[in-house]
Amino acid sequence: MSVLVLRKKATQEETREMMKNLESYIKVAVDISKGILAGGGVLHADCESVLIQEGSRQEDIWGADWYPESQEIRFEAMINLAPRRKNRSMEIQDPNIREKVKMVIQNLLEK
């Protein structure tokens, strides 16, 4: 499993590495406080775990999927199901949090 932590724009090689597990998309966990992400795991929880090991707080981490070919983001992940954070769905419900996740993904993964 190849989970990479990105603090700056991903190179083509890093993007290919993160796509090895799922081929057409990348599961990511985004730390909206630090503006970083971990990507490339089989599960969003794999990416979340790496961020926590790097010092991120779980309450700042949200999951999404990134589709490099279409540059599309999907905001669904099991790690988003967090009633104590007032998110009672796998999809990120708060538009402000969605926008923060989107901005980090665009800054670090978009072409």
Protein backbone atom coordinates (compact mmCIF):
# COMPACT_ATOMS: atom_id res chain seq x y z
CA MET A 1 0.00 0.00 0.00
CA SER A 2 1.39 3.38 -1.00
CA VAL A 3 0.07 6.20 1.15
CA LEU A 4 1.85 9.49 0.57
CA VAL A 5 1.54 12.68 2.60
CA LEU A 6 1.45 15.78 0.43
CA ARG A 7 2.42 19.20 1.70
CA LYS A 8 3.09 20.62 -1.78
CA LYS A 9 1.80 19.96 -5.31
CA ALA A 10 2.03 16.28 -6.26
CA THR A 11 4.41 15.29 -9.02
CA GLN A 12 3.24 12.98 -11.81
CA GLU A 13 5.22 10.17 -10.19
CA GLU A 14 3.53 10.74 -6.80
CA THR A 15 0.11 10.74 -8.48
CA ARG A 16 0.93 7.46 -10.27
CA GLU A 17 2.15 5.96 -6.98
CA MET A 18 -1.07 6.91 -5.16
CA MET A 19 -3.16 5.42 -8.00
CA LYS A 20 -1.52 1.98 -7.81
CA ASN A 21 -4.14 0.50 -5.46
CA LEU A 22 -7.34 1.65 -7.16
CA GLU A 23 -6.12 2.61 -10.66
CA SER A 24 -8.82 5.14 -11.65
CA TYR A 25 -9.01 7.27 -8.51
CA ILE A 26 -7.24 8.11 -5.26
CA LYS A 27 -8.70 7.85 -1.79
CA VAL A 28 -7.56 10.82 0.27
CA ALA A 29 -7.79 12.08 3.81
CA VAL A 30 -7.45 15.84 4.13
CA ASP A 31 -6.32 17.75 7.21
CA ILE A 32 -8.23 21.00 6.73
CA SER A 33 -6.34 22.69 9.56
CA LYS A 34 -2.84 22.02 8.20
CA GLY A 35 -3.78 22.12 4.52
CA ILE A 36 -2.19 18.73 3.81
CA LEU A 37 -3.48 15.38 2.61
CA ALA A 38 -2.60 11.72 2.60
CA GLY A 39 -3.55 9.72 -0.46
CA GLY A 40 -3.23 6.29 -1.97
CA GLY A 41 -4.63 3.87 0.55
CA VAL A 42 -7.15 1.14 -0.07
CA LEU A 43 -9.35 2.72 2.61
CA HIS A 44 -9.76 6.34 3.64
CA ALA A 45 -8.88 5.10 7.13
CA ASP A 46 -5.42 4.09 5.83
CA CYS A 47 -4.82 7.70 4.84
CA GLU A 48 -6.35 9.04 8.05
CA SER A 49 -4.05 6.82 10.10
CA VAL A 50 -0.96 8.18 8.33
CA LEU A 51 -2.06 11.77 9.00
CA ILE A 52 -2.64 11.01 12.67
CA GLN A 53 0.85 9.48 12.87
CA GLU A 54 2.11 12.75 11.35
CA GLY A 55 0.46 14.74 14.17
CA SER A 56 -2.92 15.65 12.68
CA ARG A 57 -5.99 15.72 14.91
CA GLN A 58 -8.79 13.37 13.92
CA GLU A 59 -11.40 16.14 14.14
CA ASP A 60 -9.54 18.03 11.37
CA ILE A 61 -9.44 15.06 8.94
CA TRP A 62 -12.05 14.47 6.25
CA GLY A 63 -12.19 11.87 3.49
CA ALA A 64 -12.80 12.22 -0.24
CA ASP A 65 -12.01 10.59 -3.56
CA TRP A 66 -10.01 12.30 -6.31
CA TYR A 67 -10.44 11.34 -9.97
CA PRO A 68 -7.37 12.62 -11.83
CA GLU A 69 -8.76 12.02 -15.33
CA SER A 70 -11.86 14.19 -14.82
CA GLN A 71 -10.41 16.36 -12.00
CA GLU A 72 -13.54 15.42 -10.00
CA ILE A 73 -13.85 15.26 -6.22
CA ARG A 74 -16.38 13.09 -4.39
CA PHE A 75 -16.88 13.92 -0.75
CA GLU A 76 -17.92 10.49 0.57
CA ALA A 77 -15.97 8.35 3.01
CA MET A 78 -16.68 6.21 6.06
CA ILE A 79 -14.33 8.42 8.10
CA ASN A 80 -16.76 11.31 7.51
CA LEU A 81 -19.47 9.51 9.46
CA ALA A 82 -18.84 11.42 12.68
CA PRO A 83 -21.88 12.38 14.78
CA ARG A 84 -19.71 14.15 17.37
CA ARG A 85 -18.56 16.45 14.56
CA LYS A 86 -22.22 16.87 13.57
CA ASN A 87 -21.73 14.92 10.33
CA ARG A 88 -24.24 12.06 10.32
CA SER A 89 -23.52 10.92 6.77
CA MET A 90 -20.65 9.46 4.79
CA GLU A 91 -20.85 12.61 2.69
CA ILE A 92 -19.42 15.86 4.07
CA GLN A 93 -22.54 17.88 4.85
CA ASP A 94 -21.11 21.24 5.95
CA PRO A 95 -20.51 23.39 2.82
CA ASN A 96 -17.65 25.24 4.55
CA ILE A 97 -15.81 21.99 5.30
CA ARG A 98 -16.47 20.74 1.75
CA GLU A 99 -14.94 23.94 0.38
CA LYS A 100 -11.85 23.57 2.60
CA VAL A 101 -11.38 19.95 1.50
CA LYS A 102 -11.85 21.00 -2.13
CA MET A 103 -9.26 23.78 -1.84
CA VAL A 104 -6.62 21.46 -0.34
CA ILE A 105 -7.22 18.80 -3.00
CA GLN A 106 -7.10 21.37 -5.81
CA ASN A 107 -3.89 22.93 -4.44
CA LEU A 108 -2.10 19.61 -4.04
CA LEU A 109 -3.50 17.33 -6.75
CA GLU A 110 -4.96 19.28 -9.67
CA LYS A 111 -2.94 19.60 -12.86
